[in-house]
Amino acid sequence: MAWARHSASTFPFTLGLGAYRARQQYGSFPDLNSWTVNADFDANISTFIEVSGEWYRGQAVGGLGGGIWMSVIYPNSAPPYSGIHALRSTGGWAQLKVRPTQQWEFNGAIGQDENDGKDLRFFPTAYASYGFSPFQKNAARFVNAIYRPRASLLLAAEYRRLFTNTFGVPAASGDQVNVAAGVQF
């Protein structure tokens, strides 16, 4: 479901709300409930500034890109598994876009996806598929600049900071710098 405001006298704004529910089957284990509630927005707050983002809360939504791509955990490191537990997760992102001229665009964004710690502690030693420790949190922040010297050519530079916390393992982080050129047609 979405609500949008688009008129000549105001800046465009869109708000979307959604929900999902399904049953998931994992071999001989009982079916698990998969569900999510989510919201997204996109708003031009001036001629040059736009904000957008989305948020979700759900359970067993790894197949939808939530829960850091994991839906369940298992109690031991090798198949056959003796149990299964659905993961609840929360995540989202927000972005600020500034276009001071037709040639320049600047973006900044933050995002995070996190599995509930209580669910990750359901078994004394939890594992995701194939014996890997499950992810507890992924987070990213980035800024970029895009320059369009002509309508069909663009040049861009980006800095990104990534953070991953695997359950029971020290956190890891990294920096990434990208430079790109593109042709639009």
N, C-alpha and C. Protein backbone atom coordinates (compact mmCIF):
# COMPACT_ATOMS: atom_id res chain seq x y z
N MET A 1 0.85 -1.14 0.00
CA MET A 1 0.00 0.00 0.00
C MET A 1 0.91 1.23 0.00
N ALA A 2 0.56 2.23 -0.80
CA ALA A 2 1.39 3.43 -0.87
C ALA A 2 0.51 4.67 -0.92
N TRP A 3 1.06 5.73 -0.40
CA TRP A 3 0.42 7.03 -0.45
C TRP A 3 1.42 7.99 -1.08
N ALA A 4 0.96 8.77 -2.04
CA ALA A 4 1.85 9.71 -2.73
C ALA A 4 1.19 11.08 -2.84
N ARG A 5 2.02 12.09 -2.73
CA ARG A 5 1.55 13.46 -2.93
C ARG A 5 2.40 14.05 -4.05
N HIS A 6 1.76 14.37 -5.16
CA HIS A 6 2.43 14.97 -6.30
C HIS A 6 1.54 16.09 -6.83
N SER A 7 1.96 17.31 -6.62
CA SER A 7 1.21 18.44 -7.17
C SER A 7 2.19 19.53 -7.56
N ALA A 8 1.74 20.44 -8.37
CA ALA A 8 2.61 21.51 -8.87
C ALA A 8 3.06 22.45 -7.76
N SER A 9 2.28 22.58 -6.67
CA SER A 9 2.60 23.54 -5.64
C SER A 9 3.42 22.96 -4.48
N THR A 10 3.62 21.63 -4.45
CA THR A 10 4.36 21.01 -3.36
C THR A 10 5.44 20.09 -3.91
N PHE A 11 6.32 19.69 -3.02
CA PHE A 11 7.36 18.75 -3.42
C PHE A 11 6.82 17.32 -3.32
N PRO A 12 7.20 16.43 -4.25
CA PRO A 12 6.69 15.05 -4.24
C PRO A 12 7.09 14.30 -2.96
N PHE A 13 6.19 13.45 -2.51
CA PHE A 13 6.43 12.63 -1.33
C PHE A 13 5.69 11.31 -1.52
N THR A 14 6.36 10.19 -1.23
CA THR A 14 5.73 8.88 -1.32
C THR A 14 6.06 8.09 -0.06
N LEU A 15 5.05 7.45 0.50
CA LEU A 15 5.20 6.60 1.67
C LEU A 15 4.57 5.26 1.35
N GLY A 16 5.31 4.18 1.54
CA GLY A 16 4.79 2.84 1.28
C GLY A 16 4.83 1.98 2.54
N LEU A 17 3.82 1.16 2.71
CA LEU A 17 3.75 0.22 3.82
C LEU A 17 3.44 -1.16 3.26
N GLY A 18 4.04 -2.18 3.84
CA GLY A 18 3.79 -3.53 3.32
C GLY A 18 3.91 -4.58 4.40
N ALA A 19 3.43 -5.76 4.10
CA ALA A 19 3.52 -6.91 5.00
C ALA A 19 3.58 -8.18 4.16
N TYR A 20 4.14 -9.21 4.75
CA TYR A 20 4.31 -10.49 4.07
C TYR A 20 4.20 -11.59 5.12
N ARG A 21 3.60 -12.71 4.75
CA ARG A 21 3.53 -13.87 5.63
C ARG A 21 3.53 -15.13 4.78
N ALA A 22 4.31 -16.13 5.23
CA ALA A 22 4.37 -17.41 4.53
C ALA A 22 4.84 -18.49 5.50
N ARG A 23 4.71 -19.74 5.09
CA ARG A 23 5.24 -20.88 5.84
C ARG A 23 6.44 -21.42 5.07
N GLN A 24 7.51 -21.73 5.80
CA GLN A 24 8.70 -22.29 5.17
C GLN A 24 8.91 -23.72 5.64
N GLN A 25 9.34 -24.58 4.71
CA GLN A 25 9.59 -25.98 5.02
C GLN A 25 11.09 -26.24 5.00
N TYR A 26 11.56 -26.95 6.02
CA TYR A 26 12.97 -27.33 6.13
C TYR A 26 13.06 -28.83 6.38
N GLY A 27 12.84 -29.61 5.35
CA GLY A 27 12.95 -31.07 5.45
C GLY A 27 12.02 -31.66 6.48
N SER A 28 12.58 -32.42 7.44
CA SER A 28 11.77 -33.12 8.44
C SER A 28 11.38 -32.25 9.62
N PHE A 29 11.83 -31.02 9.68
CA PHE A 29 11.48 -30.13 10.78
C PHE A 29 10.09 -29.55 10.58
N PRO A 30 9.43 -29.13 11.68
CA PRO A 30 8.12 -28.48 11.54
C PRO A 30 8.24 -27.20 10.70
N ASP A 31 7.18 -26.86 9.98
CA ASP A 31 7.17 -25.63 9.19
C ASP A 31 7.39 -24.42 10.10
N LEU A 32 8.03 -23.39 9.57
CA LEU A 32 8.29 -22.16 10.31
C LEU A 32 7.51 -21.01 9.69
N ASN A 33 7.08 -20.08 10.54
CA ASN A 33 6.44 -18.86 10.05
C ASN A 33 7.49 -17.88 9.57
N SER A 34 7.26 -17.34 8.40
CA SER A 34 8.08 -16.26 7.86
C SER A 34 7.16 -15.06 7.71
N TRP A 35 7.60 -13.89 8.20
CA TRP A 35 6.76 -12.69 8.09
C TRP A 35 7.64 -11.44 8.08
N THR A 36 7.10 -10.38 7.59
CA THR A 36 7.78 -9.09 7.66
C THR A 36 6.75 -7.97 7.59
N VAL A 37 7.07 -6.87 8.23
CA VAL A 37 6.36 -5.61 8.06
C VAL A 37 7.43 -4.62 7.62
N ASN A 38 7.09 -3.74 6.69
CA ASN A 38 8.10 -2.83 6.16
C ASN A 38 7.47 -1.51 5.74
N ALA A 39 8.33 -0.52 5.65
CA ALA A 39 7.92 0.81 5.22
C ALA A 39 9.04 1.42 4.40
N ASP A 40 8.68 2.24 3.44
CA ASP A 40 9.68 2.98 2.68
C ASP A 40 9.14 4.36 2.37
N PHE A 41 10.05 5.28 2.09
CA PHE A 41 9.65 6.65 1.78
C PHE A 41 10.62 7.27 0.78
N ASP A 42 10.14 8.26 0.09
CA ASP A 42 10.94 9.05 -0.85
C ASP A 42 10.35 10.45 -0.85
N ALA A 43 11.16 11.45 -0.52
CA ALA A 43 10.63 12.81 -0.40
C ALA A 43 11.62 13.82 -0.96
N ASN A 44 11.13 14.69 -1.81
CA ASN A 44 11.90 15.86 -2.24
C ASN A 44 11.57 16.96 -1.25
N ILE A 45 12.55 17.38 -0.46
CA ILE A 45 12.26 18.40 0.54
C ILE A 45 12.61 19.80 0.05
N SER A 46 13.23 19.88 -1.11
CA SER A 46 13.44 21.15 -1.80
C SER A 46 13.74 20.82 -3.26
N THR A 47 14.01 21.82 -4.04
CA THR A 47 14.33 21.60 -5.45
C THR A 47 15.62 20.80 -5.61
N PHE A 48 16.52 20.89 -4.64
CA PHE A 48 17.85 20.29 -4.75
C PHE A 48 18.09 19.11 -3.81
N ILE A 49 17.17 18.84 -2.89
CA ILE A 49 17.43 17.85 -1.84
C ILE A 49 16.33 16.78 -1.83
N GLU A 50 16.77 15.52 -1.77
CA GLU A 50 15.85 14.38 -1.70
C GLU A 50 16.31 13.45 -0.59
N VAL A 51 15.37 12.92 0.19
CA VAL A 51 15.67 11.91 1.20
C VAL A 51 14.83 10.67 0.88
N SER A 52 15.40 9.51 1.15
CA SER A 52 14.68 8.26 0.91
C SER A 52 15.19 7.20 1.87
N GLY A 53 14.44 6.13 2.00
CA GLY A 53 14.88 5.04 2.86
C GLY A 53 13.83 3.97 3.00
N GLU A 54 14.19 2.95 3.76
CA GLU A 54 13.25 1.88 4.05
C GLU A 54 13.62 1.23 5.37
N TRP A 55 12.63 0.56 5.97
CA TRP A 55 12.80 -0.13 7.24
C TRP A 55 11.99 -1.42 7.20
N TYR A 56 12.47 -2.47 7.89
CA TYR A 56 11.69 -3.70 7.99
C TYR A 56 11.94 -4.34 9.35
N ARG A 57 11.00 -5.16 9.76
CA ARG A 57 11.11 -6.04 10.93
C ARG A 57 10.48 -7.35 10.50
N GLY A 58 11.16 -8.48 10.76
CA GLY A 58 10.60 -9.73 10.30
C GLY A 58 11.21 -10.96 10.94
N GLN A 59 10.75 -12.11 10.49
CA GLN A 59 11.26 -13.40 10.95
C GLN A 59 11.42 -14.32 9.76
N ALA A 60 12.56 -15.01 9.72
CA ALA A 60 12.86 -15.98 8.65
C ALA A 60 12.73 -15.33 7.27
N VAL A 61 13.36 -14.18 7.09
CA VAL A 61 13.25 -13.44 5.83
C VAL A 61 14.57 -13.39 5.05
N GLY A 62 15.45 -14.36 5.28
CA GLY A 62 16.71 -14.40 4.55
C GLY A 62 16.52 -14.50 3.05
N GLY A 63 15.51 -15.22 2.61
CA GLY A 63 15.23 -15.36 1.18
C GLY A 63 14.74 -14.08 0.54
N LEU A 64 14.33 -13.12 1.36
CA LEU A 64 13.89 -11.82 0.85
C LEU A 64 14.99 -10.77 0.96
N GLY A 65 16.19 -11.17 1.39
CA GLY A 65 17.30 -10.23 1.53
C GLY A 65 17.42 -9.67 2.93
N GLY A 66 16.57 -10.08 3.87
CA GLY A 66 16.65 -9.62 5.25
C GLY A 66 17.41 -10.62 6.09
N GLY A 67 17.60 -10.28 7.37
CA GLY A 67 18.28 -11.20 8.28
C GLY A 67 19.68 -11.53 7.84
N ILE A 68 20.30 -10.62 7.13
CA ILE A 68 21.63 -10.82 6.57
C ILE A 68 21.66 -12.12 5.78
N TRP A 69 20.60 -12.36 5.03
CA TRP A 69 20.44 -13.47 4.11
C TRP A 69 20.31 -14.82 4.80
N MET A 70 20.02 -14.82 6.11
CA MET A 70 19.80 -16.07 6.84
C MET A 70 18.39 -16.08 7.40
N SER A 71 17.72 -17.21 7.30
CA SER A 71 16.37 -17.34 7.85
C SER A 71 16.35 -18.13 9.15
N VAL A 72 17.29 -19.08 9.30
CA VAL A 72 17.28 -19.98 10.45
C VAL A 72 18.69 -20.27 10.93
N ILE A 73 18.77 -20.81 12.16
CA ILE A 73 20.05 -21.33 12.67
C ILE A 73 19.83 -22.78 13.12
N TYR A 74 20.94 -23.49 13.28
CA TYR A 74 20.94 -24.90 13.67
C TYR A 74 21.81 -25.05 14.92
N PRO A 75 21.63 -26.14 15.71
CA PRO A 75 22.37 -26.27 16.96
C PRO A 75 23.74 -26.91 16.86
N ASN A 76 24.11 -27.50 15.76
CA ASN A 76 25.43 -28.13 15.68
C ASN A 76 26.05 -27.84 14.33
N SER A 77 27.32 -28.20 14.17
CA SER A 77 28.08 -27.75 13.00
C SER A 77 27.99 -28.62 11.77
N ALA A 78 27.41 -29.80 11.86
CA ALA A 78 27.39 -30.67 10.68
C ALA A 78 26.03 -31.35 10.54
N PRO A 79 25.54 -31.49 9.32
CA PRO A 79 24.30 -32.24 9.11
C PRO A 79 24.49 -33.69 9.53
N PRO A 80 23.48 -34.43 9.94
CA PRO A 80 22.09 -33.98 10.03
C PRO A 80 21.88 -33.13 11.29
N TYR A 81 21.15 -32.05 11.15
CA TYR A 81 20.90 -31.15 12.26
C TYR A 81 19.82 -31.72 13.16
N SER A 82 19.94 -31.45 14.47
CA SER A 82 18.96 -31.98 15.43
C SER A 82 17.86 -30.98 15.77
N GLY A 83 17.94 -29.77 15.26
CA GLY A 83 16.93 -28.76 15.53
C GLY A 83 17.07 -27.59 14.58
N ILE A 84 16.13 -26.66 14.71
CA ILE A 84 16.14 -25.49 13.83
C ILE A 84 15.41 -24.36 14.58
N HIS A 85 15.83 -23.13 14.34
CA HIS A 85 15.18 -21.98 14.99
C HIS A 85 15.14 -20.81 14.01
N ALA A 86 13.96 -20.21 13.86
CA ALA A 86 13.80 -19.05 12.97
C ALA A 86 14.46 -17.81 13.58
N LEU A 87 15.06 -16.98 12.75
CA LEU A 87 15.70 -15.75 13.20
C LEU A 87 14.80 -14.55 12.95
N ARG A 88 14.65 -13.70 13.97
CA ARG A 88 13.98 -12.42 13.80
C ARG A 88 15.06 -11.38 13.50
N SER A 89 14.73 -10.43 12.64
CA SER A 89 15.72 -9.42 12.25
C SER A 89 15.05 -8.08 11.98
N THR A 90 15.87 -7.06 12.03
CA THR A 90 15.44 -5.69 11.78
C THR A 90 16.51 -5.02 10.92
N GLY A 91 16.08 -4.18 10.00
CA GLY A 91 17.06 -3.49 9.17
C GLY A 91 16.45 -2.32 8.45
N GLY A 92 17.33 -1.57 7.80
CA GLY A 92 16.87 -0.45 7.02
C GLY A 92 18.02 0.42 6.56
N TRP A 93 17.67 1.45 5.83
CA TRP A 93 18.67 2.38 5.33
C TRP A 93 18.01 3.74 5.10
N ALA A 94 18.83 4.76 5.04
CA ALA A 94 18.37 6.11 4.72
C ALA A 94 19.43 6.78 3.85
N GLN A 95 18.98 7.60 2.91
CA GLN A 95 19.89 8.25 1.97
C GLN A 95 19.49 9.72 1.81
N LEU A 96 20.50 10.55 1.73
CA LEU A 96 20.33 11.97 1.43
C LEU A 96 20.99 12.24 0.09
N LYS A 97 20.25 12.87 -0.84
CA LYS A 97 20.76 13.19 -2.17
C LYS A 97 20.67 14.71 -2.35
N VAL A 98 21.78 15.32 -2.75
CA VAL A 98 21.82 16.77 -2.99
C VAL A 98 22.27 16.98 -4.43
N ARG A 99 21.47 17.73 -5.20
CA ARG A 99 21.78 18.07 -6.60
C ARG A 99 21.84 19.59 -6.74
N PRO A 100 23.00 20.20 -6.45
CA PRO A 100 23.08 21.66 -6.52
C PRO A 100 23.00 22.21 -7.95
N THR A 101 23.43 21.41 -8.93
CA THR A 101 23.35 21.79 -10.35
C THR A 101 22.95 20.55 -11.15
N GLN A 102 22.69 20.73 -12.44
CA GLN A 102 22.37 19.57 -13.27
C GLN A 102 23.58 18.66 -13.48
N GLN A 103 24.78 19.21 -13.33
CA GLN A 103 25.99 18.40 -13.54
C GLN A 103 26.44 17.65 -12.29
N TRP A 104 26.12 18.14 -11.09
CA TRP A 104 26.65 17.55 -9.86
C TRP A 104 25.55 16.91 -9.01
N GLU A 105 25.90 15.76 -8.40
CA GLU A 105 25.03 15.08 -7.44
C GLU A 105 25.90 14.52 -6.33
N PHE A 106 25.47 14.73 -5.08
CA PHE A 106 26.18 14.20 -3.91
C PHE A 106 25.20 13.35 -3.11
N ASN A 107 25.68 12.16 -2.67
CA ASN A 107 24.83 11.23 -1.92
C ASN A 107 25.55 10.78 -0.66
N GLY A 108 24.78 10.57 0.38
CA GLY A 108 25.27 9.97 1.61
C GLY A 108 24.21 9.02 2.12
N ALA A 109 24.63 7.86 2.61
CA ALA A 109 23.65 6.87 3.08
C ALA A 109 24.22 6.06 4.23
N ILE A 110 23.30 5.56 5.06
CA ILE A 110 23.65 4.63 6.12
C ILE A 110 22.64 3.49 6.06
N GLY A 111 23.08 2.30 6.43
CA GLY A 111 22.18 1.16 6.44
C GLY A 111 22.66 0.10 7.40
N GLN A 112 21.72 -0.72 7.87
CA GLN A 112 22.07 -1.77 8.81
C GLN A 112 21.05 -2.90 8.72
N ASP A 113 21.50 -4.11 8.96
CA ASP A 113 20.67 -5.31 9.01
C ASP A 113 21.16 -6.10 10.21
N GLU A 114 20.26 -6.49 11.12
CA GLU A 114 20.70 -7.14 12.36
C GLU A 114 19.75 -8.26 12.76
N ASN A 115 20.32 -9.43 13.07
CA ASN A 115 19.56 -10.54 13.63
C ASN A 115 19.50 -10.36 15.15
N ASP A 116 18.37 -10.71 15.74
CA ASP A 116 18.19 -10.57 17.19
C ASP A 116 19.17 -11.46 17.94
N GLY A 117 19.88 -10.86 18.89
CA GLY A 117 20.83 -11.61 19.70
C GLY A 117 20.20 -12.73 20.49
N LYS A 118 18.96 -12.52 20.98
CA LYS A 118 18.26 -13.56 21.74
C LYS A 118 18.05 -14.81 20.88
N ASP A 119 17.70 -14.62 19.61
CA ASP A 119 17.53 -15.76 18.71
C ASP A 119 18.85 -16.45 18.44
N LEU A 120 19.92 -15.68 18.31
CA LEU A 120 21.23 -16.27 18.04
C LEU A 120 21.74 -17.09 19.22
N ARG A 121 21.25 -16.82 20.43
CA ARG A 121 21.64 -17.57 21.63
C ARG A 121 20.66 -18.70 21.95
N PHE A 122 19.72 -19.01 21.05
CA PHE A 122 18.71 -20.04 21.29
C PHE A 122 19.36 -21.40 21.55
N PHE A 123 20.41 -21.74 20.80
CA PHE A 123 21.16 -22.98 20.99
C PHE A 123 22.49 -22.62 21.67
N PRO A 124 23.08 -23.55 22.46
CA PRO A 124 24.36 -23.23 23.11
C PRO A 124 25.44 -22.84 22.10
N THR A 125 25.46 -23.52 20.97
CA THR A 125 26.37 -23.16 19.88
C THR A 125 25.54 -23.14 18.61
N ALA A 126 25.37 -21.95 18.04
CA ALA A 126 24.51 -21.82 16.86
C ALA A 126 25.34 -21.77 15.59
N TYR A 127 24.77 -22.35 14.54
CA TYR A 127 25.41 -22.33 13.23
C TYR A 127 24.37 -21.99 12.17
N ALA A 128 24.83 -21.31 11.15
CA ALA A 128 23.99 -21.07 9.98
C ALA A 128 24.22 -22.26 9.04
N SER A 129 23.74 -22.17 7.83
CA SER A 129 23.91 -23.26 6.88
C SER A 129 25.38 -23.60 6.68
N TYR A 130 25.65 -24.87 6.48
CA TYR A 130 26.98 -25.40 6.16
C TYR A 130 27.99 -25.17 7.27
N GLY A 131 27.54 -25.02 8.54
CA GLY A 131 28.45 -24.95 9.66
C GLY A 131 29.11 -23.61 9.91
N PHE A 132 28.68 -22.54 9.24
CA PHE A 132 29.26 -21.22 9.46
C PHE A 132 28.57 -20.54 10.63
N SER A 133 29.30 -19.73 11.38
CA SER A 133 28.69 -18.92 12.43
C SER A 133 27.73 -17.93 11.80
N PRO A 134 26.57 -17.70 12.42
CA PRO A 134 25.60 -16.76 11.84
C PRO A 134 26.05 -15.31 12.00
N PHE A 135 25.62 -14.47 11.08
CA PHE A 135 25.89 -13.04 11.17
C PHE A 135 24.94 -12.40 12.17
N GLN A 136 25.48 -11.50 12.99
CA GLN A 136 24.62 -10.76 13.91
C GLN A 136 24.26 -9.39 13.32
N LYS A 137 25.25 -8.72 12.69
CA LYS A 137 24.97 -7.38 12.17
C LYS A 137 25.85 -7.07 10.98
N ASN A 138 25.28 -6.43 9.98
CA ASN A 138 26.00 -5.82 8.86
C ASN A 138 25.61 -4.36 8.83
N ALA A 139 26.56 -3.48 8.63
CA ALA A 139 26.26 -2.05 8.54
C ALA A 139 27.15 -1.45 7.46
N ALA A 140 26.65 -0.40 6.80
CA ALA A 140 27.41 0.28 5.76
C ALA A 140 27.10 1.77 5.81
N ARG A 141 28.10 2.57 5.49
CA ARG A 141 27.94 4.01 5.34
C ARG A 141 28.69 4.39 4.08
N PHE A 142 28.14 5.31 3.30
CA PHE A 142 28.87 5.74 2.11
C PHE A 142 28.55 7.18 1.77
N VAL A 143 29.50 7.78 1.06
CA VAL A 143 29.31 9.10 0.45
C VAL A 143 29.85 9.00 -0.97
N ASN A 144 29.20 9.71 -1.90
CA ASN A 144 29.73 9.72 -3.26
C ASN A 144 29.44 11.05 -3.92
N ALA A 145 30.16 11.29 -4.99
CA ALA A 145 29.96 12.47 -5.83
C ALA A 145 29.86 11.98 -7.27
N ILE A 146 28.88 12.51 -8.00
CA ILE A 146 28.69 12.15 -9.40
C ILE A 146 28.71 13.43 -10.22
N TYR A 147 29.53 13.43 -11.26
CA TYR A 147 29.64 14.60 -12.13
C TYR A 147 29.25 14.19 -13.54
N ARG A 148 28.36 14.98 -14.17
CA ARG A 148 27.91 14.72 -15.54
C ARG A 148 28.36 15.89 -16.43
N PRO A 149 29.53 15.77 -17.05
CA PRO A 149 29.99 16.87 -17.91
C PRO A 149 29.13 17.02 -19.17
N ARG A 150 28.53 15.91 -19.61
CA ARG A 150 27.57 15.91 -20.73
C ARG A 150 26.40 15.03 -20.33
N ALA A 151 25.32 15.13 -21.06
CA ALA A 151 24.12 14.35 -20.73
C ALA A 151 24.38 12.85 -20.78
N SER A 152 25.29 12.40 -21.62
CA SER A 152 25.53 10.96 -21.79
C SER A 152 26.75 10.43 -21.04
N LEU A 153 27.53 11.27 -20.37
CA LEU A 153 28.75 10.85 -19.69
C LEU A 153 28.65 11.17 -18.21
N LEU A 154 29.08 10.22 -17.37
CA LEU A 154 29.14 10.51 -15.95
C LEU A 154 30.42 9.97 -15.35
N LEU A 155 30.92 10.69 -14.35
CA LEU A 155 32.12 10.33 -13.61
C LEU A 155 31.74 10.30 -12.13
N ALA A 156 32.24 9.31 -11.38
CA ALA A 156 31.83 9.19 -9.99
C ALA A 156 32.99 8.72 -9.12
N ALA A 157 32.94 9.15 -7.86
CA ALA A 157 33.88 8.69 -6.83
C ALA A 157 33.07 8.39 -5.58
N GLU A 158 33.45 7.30 -4.87
CA GLU A 158 32.68 6.89 -3.70
C GLU A 158 33.62 6.35 -2.62
N TYR A 159 33.27 6.66 -1.37
CA TYR A 159 33.93 6.07 -0.20
C TYR A 159 32.88 5.32 0.58
N ARG A 160 33.19 4.07 0.96
CA ARG A 160 32.24 3.21 1.69
C ARG A 160 32.95 2.58 2.89
N ARG A 161 32.27 2.58 4.04
CA ARG A 161 32.77 1.93 5.25
C ARG A 161 31.83 0.77 5.55
N LEU A 162 32.36 -0.44 5.66
CA LEU A 162 31.58 -1.66 5.90
C LEU A 162 31.92 -2.24 7.26
N PHE A 163 30.93 -2.80 7.95
CA PHE A 163 31.11 -3.38 9.27
C PHE A 163 30.30 -4.66 9.33
N THR A 164 30.92 -5.76 9.79
CA THR A 164 30.24 -7.04 9.95
C THR A 164 30.57 -7.62 11.30
N ASN A 165 29.53 -8.08 11.99
CA ASN A 165 29.71 -8.74 13.28
C ASN A 165 29.11 -10.13 13.16
N THR A 166 29.97 -11.14 13.18
CA THR A 166 29.55 -12.52 13.16
C THR A 166 29.37 -12.97 14.60
N PHE A 167 28.28 -13.68 14.89
CA PHE A 167 27.97 -14.07 16.26
C PHE A 167 29.10 -14.91 16.85
N GLY A 168 29.62 -14.48 18.01
CA GLY A 168 30.67 -15.21 18.71
C GLY A 168 32.06 -15.02 18.13
N VAL A 169 32.22 -14.14 17.16
CA VAL A 169 33.51 -13.90 16.51
C VAL A 169 33.77 -12.40 16.55
N PRO A 170 35.03 -11.96 16.71
CA PRO A 170 35.29 -10.52 16.72
C PRO A 170 34.78 -9.83 15.44
N ALA A 171 34.31 -8.61 15.60
CA ALA A 171 33.78 -7.84 14.47
C ALA A 171 34.88 -7.50 13.48
N ALA A 172 34.47 -7.29 12.24
CA ALA A 172 35.41 -6.91 11.18
C ALA A 172 34.87 -5.67 10.47
N SER A 173 35.77 -4.84 9.98
CA SER A 173 35.35 -3.66 9.22
C SER A 173 36.34 -3.43 8.10
N GLY A 174 35.90 -2.65 7.14
CA GLY A 174 36.76 -2.36 6.00
C GLY A 174 36.32 -1.10 5.29
N ASP A 175 37.26 -0.51 4.58
CA ASP A 175 37.00 0.69 3.80
C ASP A 175 37.12 0.34 2.33
N GLN A 176 36.32 1.01 1.52
CA GLN A 176 36.34 0.76 0.08
C GLN A 176 36.24 2.11 -0.62
N VAL A 177 37.08 2.30 -1.64
CA VAL A 177 37.05 3.50 -2.47
C VAL A 177 36.81 3.05 -3.90
N ASN A 178 35.83 3.67 -4.55
CA ASN A 178 35.49 3.34 -5.93
C ASN A 178 35.58 4.59 -6.80
N VAL A 179 36.06 4.42 -7.99
CA VAL A 179 36.06 5.47 -9.00
C VAL A 179 35.47 4.84 -10.25
N ALA A 180 34.54 5.56 -10.89
CA ALA A 180 33.85 4.97 -12.04
C ALA A 180 33.59 6.02 -13.12
N ALA A 181 33.45 5.53 -14.34
CA ALA A 181 33.03 6.35 -15.47
C ALA A 181 31.96 5.56 -16.21
N GLY A 182 30.97 6.26 -16.73
CA GLY A 182 29.89 5.57 -17.42
C GLY A 182 29.33 6.39 -18.56
N VAL A 183 28.69 5.67 -19.47
CA VAL A 183 28.00 6.29 -20.61
C VAL A 183 26.54 5.92 -20.47
N GLN A 184 25.68 6.94 -20.52
CA GLN A 184 24.26 6.73 -20.40
C GLN A 184 23.61 6.91 -21.77
N PHE A 185 22.82 5.91 -22.17
CA PHE A 185 22.13 6.00 -23.47
C PHE A 185 20.79 5.34 -23.38
